PDB file of N, CA and C in Angstrom:
ATOM      1  N   MET A   1    -157.498  45.452 -56.495  1.00  0.00           N
ATOM      2  CA  MET A   1    -158.817  45.322 -57.032  1.00  0.00           C
ATOM      3  C   MET A   1    -158.722  45.232 -58.603  1.00  0.00           C
ATOM      4  N   ASP A   2    -159.384  44.264 -59.116  1.00  0.00           N
ATOM      5  CA  ASP A   2    -159.342  44.127 -60.650  1.00  0.00           C
ATOM      6  C   ASP A   2    -160.408  45.174 -61.307  1.00  0.00           C
ATOM      7  N   LYS A   3    -160.320  45.205 -62.543  1.00  0.00           N
ATOM      8  CA  LYS A   3    -161.185  46.166 -63.298  1.00  0.00           C
ATOM      9  C   LYS A   3    -162.667  45.936 -62.992  1.00  0.00           C
ATOM     10  N   GLN A   4    -163.127  44.692 -62.928  1.00  0.00           N
ATOM     11  CA  GLN A   4    -164.538  44.519 -62.651  1.00  0.00           C
ATOM     12  C   GLN A   4    -164.916  44.954 -61.267  1.00  0.00           C
ATOM     13  N   GLY A   5    -163.958  44.728 -60.255  1.00  0.00           N
ATOM     14  CA  GLY A   5    -164.237  45.274 -58.901  1.00  0.00           C
ATOM     15  C   GLY A   5    -164.259  46.755 -58.895  1.00  0.00           C
ATOM     16  N   GLN A   6    -163.339  47.362 -59.661  1.00  0.00           N
ATOM     17  CA  GLN A   6    -163.321  48.824 -59.725  1.00  0.00           C
ATOM     18  C   GLN A   6    -164.632  49.391 -60.320  1.00  0.00           C
ATOM     19  N   GLU A   7    -165.085  48.703 -61.354  1.00  0.00           N
ATOM     20  CA  GLU A   7    -166.392  49.185 -61.958  1.00  0.00           C
ATOM     21  C   GLU A   7    -167.545  48.978 -60.984  1.00  0.00           C
ATOM     22  N   MET A   8    -167.552  47.986 -60.250  1.00  0.00           N
ATOM     23  CA  MET A   8    -168.639  47.675 -59.264  1.00  0.00           C
ATOM     24  C   MET A   8    -168.609  48.767 -58.192  1.00  0.00           C
ATOM     25  N   PHE A   9    -167.279  49.058 -57.687  1.00  0.00           N
ATOM     26  CA  PHE A   9    -167.141  50.084 -56.625  1.00  0.00           C
ATOM     27  C   PHE A   9    -167.529  51.440 -57.112  1.00  0.00           C
ATOM     28  N   LEU A  10    -167.141  51.796 -58.374  1.00  0.00           N
ATOM     29  CA  LEU A  10    -167.505  53.046 -59.024  1.00  0.00           C
ATOM     30  C   LEU A  10    -169.067  53.180 -59.072  1.00  0.00           C
ATOM     31  N   ASP A  11    -169.712  52.153 -59.598  1.00  0.00           N
ATOM     32  CA  ASP A  11    -171.153  52.271 -59.664  1.00  0.00           C
ATOM     33  C   ASP A  11    -171.816  52.365 -58.289  1.00  0.00           C
ATOM     34  N   PHE A  12    -171.320  51.610 -57.358  1.00  0.00           N
ATOM     35  CA  PHE A  12    -171.820  51.677 -55.988  1.00  0.00           C
ATOM     36  C   PHE A  12    -171.777  53.140 -55.471  1.00  0.00           C
ATOM     37  N   ILE A  13    -170.609  53.707 -55.589  1.00  0.00           N
ATOM     38  CA  ILE A  13    -170.411  55.065 -55.076  1.00  0.00           C
ATOM     39  C   ILE A  13    -171.219  56.085 -55.824  1.00  0.00           C
ATOM     40  N   LEU A  14    -171.212  56.031 -57.139  1.00  0.00           N
ATOM     41  CA  LEU A  14    -171.938  56.968 -57.937  1.00  0.00           C
ATOM     42  C   LEU A  14    -173.433  56.943 -57.719  1.00  0.00           C
ATOM     43  N   GLN A  15    -173.956  55.856 -57.290  1.00  0.00           N
ATOM     44  CA  GLN A  15    -175.395  55.762 -56.972  1.00  0.00           C
ATOM     45  C   GLN A  15    -175.717  56.428 -55.693  1.00  0.00           C
ATOM     46  N   ARG A  16    -174.694  56.812 -54.872  1.00  0.00           N
ATOM     47  CA  ARG A  16    -174.836  57.327 -53.514  1.00  0.00           C
ATOM     48  C   ARG A  16    -174.328  58.809 -53.339  1.00  0.00           C
ATOM     49  N   VAL A  17    -173.888  59.356 -54.385  1.00  0.00           N
ATOM     50  CA  VAL A  17    -173.354  60.746 -54.304  1.00  0.00           C
ATOM     51  C   VAL A  17    -174.520  61.724 -54.560  1.00  0.00           C
ATOM     52  N   GLN A  18    -174.373  62.991 -54.030  1.00  0.00           N
ATOM     53  CA  GLN A  18    -175.283  64.001 -54.229  1.00  0.00           C
ATOM     54  C   GLN A  18    -175.557  64.306 -55.638  1.00  0.00           C
ATOM     55  N   GLU A  19    -176.800  64.646 -55.996  1.00  0.00           N
ATOM     56  CA  GLU A  19    -177.114  65.040 -57.417  1.00  0.00           C
ATOM     57  C   GLU A  19    -176.141  66.122 -57.769  1.00  0.00           C
ATOM     58  N   GLY A  20    -175.630  65.999 -59.007  1.00  0.00           N
ATOM     59  CA  GLY A  20    -174.667  67.007 -59.539  1.00  0.00           C
ATOM     60  C   GLY A  20    -173.262  66.829 -59.228  1.00  0.00           C
ATOM     61  N   LYS A  21    -172.934  65.885 -58.312  1.00  0.00           N
ATOM     62  CA  LYS A  21    -171.578  65.609 -57.829  1.00  0.00           C
ATOM     63  C   LYS A  21    -170.963  64.396 -58.470  1.00  0.00           C
ATOM     64  N   GLU A  22    -171.692  63.775 -59.403  1.00  0.00           N
ATOM     65  CA  GLU A  22    -171.287  62.553 -60.008  1.00  0.00           C
ATOM     66  C   GLU A  22    -169.885  62.628 -60.687  1.00  0.00           C
ATOM     67  N   ASP A  23    -169.750  63.714 -61.499  1.00  0.00           N
ATOM     68  CA  ASP A  23    -168.551  63.866 -62.275  1.00  0.00           C
ATOM     69  C   ASP A  23    -167.306  64.006 -61.380  1.00  0.00           C
ATOM     70  N   GLU A  24    -167.457  64.792 -60.347  1.00  0.00           N
ATOM     71  CA  GLU A  24    -166.339  65.022 -59.358  1.00  0.00           C
ATOM     72  C   GLU A  24    -165.968  63.755 -58.692  1.00  0.00           C
ATOM     73  N   ALA A  25    -166.991  62.955 -58.273  1.00  0.00           N
ATOM     74  CA  ALA A  25    -166.757  61.660 -57.684  1.00  0.00           C
ATOM     75  C   ALA A  25    -166.067  60.773 -58.617  1.00  0.00           C
ATOM     76  N   ARG A  26    -166.584  60.650 -59.831  1.00  0.00           N
ATOM     77  CA  ARG A  26    -165.962  59.724 -60.820  1.00  0.00           C
ATOM     78  C   ARG A  26    -164.527  60.111 -61.019  1.00  0.00           C
ATOM     79  N   GLU A  27    -164.194  61.434 -61.122  1.00  0.00           N
ATOM     80  CA  GLU A  27    -162.748  61.835 -61.338  1.00  0.00           C
ATOM     81  C   GLU A  27    -161.897  61.350 -60.228  1.00  0.00           C
ATOM     82  N   ILE A  28    -162.375  61.517 -59.011  1.00  0.00           N
ATOM     83  CA  ILE A  28    -161.586  61.120 -57.863  1.00  0.00           C
ATOM     84  C   ILE A  28    -161.353  59.601 -57.841  1.00  0.00           C
ATOM     85  N   LEU A  29    -162.391  58.889 -58.114  1.00  0.00           N
ATOM     86  CA  LEU A  29    -162.292  57.409 -58.141  1.00  0.00           C
ATOM     87  C   LEU A  29    -161.338  57.003 -59.253  1.00  0.00           C
ATOM     88  N   LEU A  30    -161.509  57.541 -60.452  1.00  0.00           N
ATOM     89  CA  LEU A  30    -160.682  57.074 -61.538  1.00  0.00           C
ATOM     90  C   LEU A  30    -159.193  57.421 -61.286  1.00  0.00           C
ATOM     91  N   GLU A  31    -158.936  58.512 -60.605  1.00  0.00           N
ATOM     92  CA  GLU A  31    -157.516  58.796 -60.290  1.00  0.00           C
ATOM     93  C   GLU A  31    -156.951  57.731 -59.306  1.00  0.00           C
ATOM     94  N   ASN A  32    -157.796  57.398 -58.350  1.00  0.00           N
ATOM     95  CA  ASN A  32    -157.312  56.452 -57.344  1.00  0.00           C
ATOM     96  C   ASN A  32    -157.179  55.072 -58.007  1.00  0.00           C
ATOM     97  N   PHE A  33    -157.998  54.654 -58.901  1.00  0.00           N
ATOM     98  CA  PHE A  33    -157.934  53.455 -59.650  1.00  0.00           C
ATOM     99  C   PHE A  33    -156.592  53.440 -60.509  1.00  0.00           C
ATOM    100  N   LYS A  34    -156.320  54.494 -61.033  1.00  0.00           N
ATOM    101  CA  LYS A  34    -155.137  54.653 -61.846  1.00  0.00           C
ATOM    102  C   LYS A  34    -153.883  54.368 -60.948  1.00  0.00           C
ATOM    103  N   LYS A  35    -153.817  55.068 -59.810  1.00  0.00           N
ATOM    104  CA  LYS A  35    -152.714  54.839 -58.886  1.00  0.00           C
ATOM    105  C   LYS A  35    -152.650  53.364 -58.459  1.00  0.00           C
ATOM    106  N   GLN A  36    -153.865  52.798 -58.210  1.00  0.00           N
ATOM    107  CA  GLN A  36    -153.861  51.368 -57.813  1.00  0.00           C
ATOM    108  C   GLN A  36    -153.282  50.484 -58.933  1.00  0.00           C
ATOM    109  N   ASP A  37    -153.682  50.691 -60.127  1.00  0.00           N
ATOM    110  CA  ASP A  37    -153.182  49.971 -61.241  1.00  0.00           C
ATOM    111  C   ASP A  37    -151.690  50.085 -61.447  1.00  0.00           C
ATOM    112  N   GLU A  38    -151.137  51.279 -61.102  1.00  0.00           N
ATOM    113  CA  GLU A  38    -149.716  51.551 -61.341  1.00  0.00           C
ATOM    114  C   GLU A  38    -148.970  51.059 -60.062  1.00  0.00           C
ATOM    115  N   GLY A  39    -149.615  50.612 -59.050  1.00  0.00           N
ATOM    116  CA  GLY A  39    -148.997  50.191 -57.836  1.00  0.00           C
ATOM    117  C   GLY A  39    -148.547  51.363 -56.952  1.00  0.00           C
ATOM    118  N   ASN A  40    -149.089  52.556 -57.172  1.00  0.00           N
ATOM    119  CA  ASN A  40    -148.723  53.700 -56.404  1.00  0.00           C
ATOM    120  C   ASN A  40    -149.779  54.160 -55.350  1.00  0.00           C
ATOM    121  N   PHE A  41    -150.780  53.346 -55.139  1.00  0.00           N
ATOM    122  CA  PHE A  41    -151.935  53.678 -54.223  1.00  0.00           C
ATOM    123  C   PHE A  41    -151.532  53.335 -52.797  1.00  0.00           C
ATOM    124  N   SER A  42    -151.459  54.443 -51.987  1.00  0.00           N
ATOM    125  CA  SER A  42    -150.894  54.396 -50.609  1.00  0.00           C
ATOM    126  C   SER A  42    -151.928  54.652 -49.566  1.00  0.00           C
ATOM    127  N   GLN A  43    -151.550  54.442 -48.350  1.00  0.00           N
ATOM    128  CA  GLN A  43    -152.410  54.770 -47.219  1.00  0.00           C
ATOM    129  C   GLN A  43    -152.687  56.239 -47.156  1.00  0.00           C
ATOM    130  N   GLU A  44    -151.739  57.077 -47.637  1.00  0.00           N
ATOM    131  CA  GLU A  44    -151.990  58.492 -47.718  1.00  0.00           C
ATOM    132  C   GLU A  44    -153.103  58.838 -48.700  1.00  0.00           C
ATOM    133  N   ASP A  45    -153.099  58.043 -49.811  1.00  0.00           N
ATOM    134  CA  ASP A  45    -154.176  58.294 -50.892  1.00  0.00           C
ATOM    135  C   ASP A  45    -155.522  57.946 -50.256  1.00  0.00           C
ATOM    136  N   ILE A  46    -155.570  56.896 -49.460  1.00  0.00           N
ATOM    137  CA  ILE A  46    -156.810  56.492 -48.779  1.00  0.00           C
ATOM    138  C   ILE A  46    -157.288  57.583 -47.834  1.00  0.00           C
ATOM    139  N   GLN A  47    -156.342  58.120 -47.093  1.00  0.00           N
ATOM    140  CA  GLN A  47    -156.711  59.152 -46.143  1.00  0.00           C
ATOM    141  C   GLN A  47    -157.165  60.444 -46.815  1.00  0.00           C
ATOM    142  N   ALA A  48    -156.700  60.729 -47.957  1.00  0.00           N
ATOM    143  CA  ALA A  48    -157.102  61.862 -48.766  1.00  0.00           C
ATOM    144  C   ALA A  48    -158.515  61.587 -49.465  1.00  0.00           C
ATOM    145  N   PHE A  49    -158.618  60.402 -49.951  1.00  0.00           N
ATOM    146  CA  PHE A  49    -159.817  59.940 -50.610  1.00  0.00           C
ATOM    147  C   PHE A  49    -161.045  60.023 -49.732  1.00  0.00           C
ATOM    148  N   VAL A  50    -161.010  59.452 -48.540  1.00  0.00           N
ATOM    149  CA  VAL A  50    -162.177  59.272 -47.736  1.00  0.00           C
ATOM    150  C   VAL A  50    -162.869  60.655 -47.454  1.00  0.00           C
ATOM    151  N   PRO A  51    -162.212  61.698 -46.944  1.00  0.00           N
ATOM    152  CA  PRO A  51    -162.923  62.947 -46.681  1.00  0.00           C
ATOM    153  C   PRO A  51    -163.443  63.551 -47.925  1.00  0.00           C
ATOM    154  N   LYS A  52    -162.769  63.503 -49.021  1.00  0.00           N
ATOM    155  CA  LYS A  52    -163.298  64.015 -50.314  1.00  0.00           C
ATOM    156  C   LYS A  52    -164.616  63.376 -50.719  1.00  0.00           C
ATOM    157  N   MET A  53    -164.569  62.035 -50.705  1.00  0.00           N
ATOM    158  CA  MET A  53    -165.785  61.277 -51.046  1.00  0.00           C
ATOM    159  C   MET A  53    -166.916  61.449 -50.104  1.00  0.00           C
ATOM    160  N   MET A  54    -166.630  61.523 -48.788  1.00  0.00           N
ATOM    161  CA  MET A  54    -167.674  61.744 -47.877  1.00  0.00           C
ATOM    162  C   MET A  54    -168.361  63.058 -48.007  1.00  0.00           C
ATOM    163  N   SER A  55    -167.639  64.083 -48.448  1.00  0.00           N
ATOM    164  CA  SER A  55    -168.310  65.339 -48.648  1.00  0.00           C
ATOM    165  C   SER A  55    -169.228  65.362 -49.932  1.00  0.00           C
ATOM    166  N   LEU A  56    -169.027  64.405 -50.739  1.00  0.00           N
ATOM    167  CA  LEU A  56    -169.890  64.296 -51.963  1.00  0.00           C
ATOM    168  C   LEU A  56    -171.124  63.410 -51.817  1.00  0.00           C
ATOM    169  N   LEU A  57    -171.073  62.597 -50.809  1.00  0.00           N
ATOM    170  CA  LEU A  57    -172.168  61.670 -50.672  1.00  0.00           C
ATOM    171  C   LEU A  57    -173.487  62.168 -50.033  1.00  0.00           C
ATOM    172  N   LYS A  58    -174.537  61.511 -50.304  1.00  0.00           N
ATOM    173  CA  LYS A  58    -175.807  61.907 -49.759  1.00  0.00           C
ATOM    174  C   LYS A  58    -175.624  61.619 -48.232  1.00  0.00           C
ATOM    175  N   PRO A  59    -176.134  62.520 -47.397  1.00  0.00           N
ATOM    176  CA  PRO A  59    -175.968  62.252 -45.932  1.00  0.00           C
ATOM    177  C   PRO A  59    -176.461  60.997 -45.452  1.00  0.00           C
ATOM    178  N   GLU A  60    -177.569  60.498 -45.985  1.00  0.00           N
ATOM    179  CA  GLU A  60    -178.198  59.261 -45.505  1.00  0.00           C
ATOM    180  C   GLU A  60    -177.408  57.978 -46.010  1.00  0.00           C
ATOM    181  N   LYS A  61    -176.428  58.196 -46.854  1.00  0.00           N
ATOM    182  CA  LYS A  61    -175.655  57.042 -47.350  1.00  0.00           C
ATOM    183  C   LYS A  61    -174.305  56.932 -46.760  1.00  0.00           C
ATOM    184  N   LEU A  62    -173.963  57.831 -45.839  1.00  0.00           N
ATOM    185  CA  LEU A  62    -172.637  57.886 -45.263  1.00  0.00           C
ATOM    186  C   LEU A  62    -172.251  56.659 -44.541  1.00  0.00           C
ATOM    187  N   THR A  63    -173.006  56.126 -43.715  1.00  0.00           N
ATOM    188  CA  THR A  63    -172.732  55.009 -42.875  1.00  0.00           C
ATOM    189  C   THR A  63    -172.468  53.769 -43.785  1.00  0.00           C
ATOM    190  N   GLU A  64    -173.344  53.583 -44.757  1.00  0.00           N
ATOM    191  CA  GLU A  64    -173.248  52.449 -45.671  1.00  0.00           C
ATOM    192  C   GLU A  64    -171.969  52.515 -46.413  1.00  0.00           C
ATOM    193  N   VAL A  65    -171.642  53.617 -46.972  1.00  0.00           N
ATOM    194  CA  VAL A  65    -170.459  53.828 -47.770  1.00  0.00           C
ATOM    195  C   VAL A  65    -169.151  53.698 -46.970  1.00  0.00           C
ATOM    196  N   GLN A  66    -169.195  54.234 -45.682  1.00  0.00           N
ATOM    197  CA  GLN A  66    -168.033  54.124 -44.852  1.00  0.00           C
ATOM    198  C   GLN A  66    -167.663  52.690 -44.577  1.00  0.00           C
ATOM    199  N   ALA A  67    -168.631  51.845 -44.354  1.00  0.00           N
ATOM    200  CA  ALA A  67    -168.422  50.364 -44.124  1.00  0.00           C
ATOM    201  C   ALA A  67    -167.754  49.760 -45.370  1.00  0.00           C
ATOM    202  N   VAL A  68    -168.246  50.084 -46.544  1.00  0.00           N
ATOM    203  CA  VAL A  68    -167.686  49.503 -47.791  1.00  0.00           C
ATOM    204  C   VAL A  68    -166.211  49.994 -47.969  1.00  0.00           C
ATOM    205  N   VAL A  69    -166.065  51.307 -47.850  1.00  0.00           N
ATOM    206  CA  VAL A  69    -164.724  51.917 -48.028  1.00  0.00           C
ATOM    207  C   VAL A  69    -163.713  51.291 -47.087  1.00  0.00           C
ATOM    208  N   LYS A  70    -164.159  51.043 -45.800  1.00  0.00           N
ATOM    209  CA  LYS A  70    -163.247  50.426 -44.838  1.00  0.00           C
ATOM    210  C   LYS A  70    -162.817  49.050 -45.273  1.00  0.00           C
ATOM    211  N   ASN A  71    -163.729  48.314 -45.833  1.00  0.00           N
ATOM    212  CA  ASN A  71    -163.397  46.919 -46.399  1.00  0.00           C
ATOM    213  C   ASN A  71    -162.526  47.097 -47.591  1.00  0.00           C
ATOM    214  N   PHE A  72    -162.833  48.032 -48.430  1.00  0.00           N
ATOM    215  CA  PHE A  72    -162.055  48.265 -49.674  1.00  0.00           C
ATOM    216  C   PHE A  72    -160.608  48.684 -49.414  1.00  0.00           C
ATOM    217  N   SER A  73    -160.433  49.505 -48.343  1.00  0.00           N
ATOM    218  CA  SER A  73    -159.088  50.025 -48.043  1.00  0.00           C
ATOM    219  C   SER A  73    -158.300  49.137 -47.092  1.00  0.00           C
ATOM    220  N   GLY A  74    -158.957  48.163 -46.563  1.00  0.00           N
ATOM    221  CA  GLY A  74    -158.336  47.315 -45.563  1.00  0.00           C
ATOM    222  C   GLY A  74    -157.124  46.592 -46.084  1.00  0.00           C
ATOM    223  N   GLY A  75    -157.079  46.225 -47.313  1.00  0.00           N
ATOM    224  CA  GLY A  75    -155.918  45.488 -47.824  1.00  0.00           C
ATOM    225  C   GLY A  75    -154.752  46.336 -48.339  1.00  0.00           C
ATOM    226  N   PHE A  76    -154.988  47.607 -48.321  1.00  0.00           N
ATOM    227  CA  PHE A  76    -153.851  48.533 -48.831  1.00  0.00           C
ATOM    228  C   PHE A  76    -152.887  48.854 -47.687  1.00  0.00           C
ATOM    229  N   GLY A  77    -151.726  49.112 -48.016  1.00  0.00           N
ATOM    230  CA  GLY A  77    -150.704  49.461 -47.041  1.00  0.00           C
ATOM    231  C   GLY A  77    -150.125  48.292 -46.305  1.00  0.00           C
ATOM    232  N   ASN A  78    -150.536  47.118 -46.717  1.00  0.00           N
ATOM    233  CA  ASN A  78    -150.065  45.818 -46.047  1.00  0.00           C
ATOM    234  C   ASN A  78    -149.124  45.135 -46.887  1.00  0.00           C
ATOM    235  N   LYS A  79    -148.657  45.760 -47.890  1.00  0.00           N
ATOM    236  CA  LYS A  79    -147.813  45.079 -48.903  1.00  0.00           C
ATOM    237  C   LYS A  79    -146.336  45.190 -48.482  1.00  0.00           C
TER     238      LYS A  79
END
């Protein structure tokens, strides 16, 4: 994912996290983006990322975000 895609994904997620959890969500996302940029982002990272992010999201946004994350992560691990 390029920088523009990362920014769009970051904004999408941050708009859907629980109030007060934005900084924690941003930190998790930026760490994953860094790994992605370095070529070190793995299926294990995705498996760790999803439960962390799900715990930060507004409950009513879970289904929407799960669908996007599934698309986002679909291309990883196939290299």
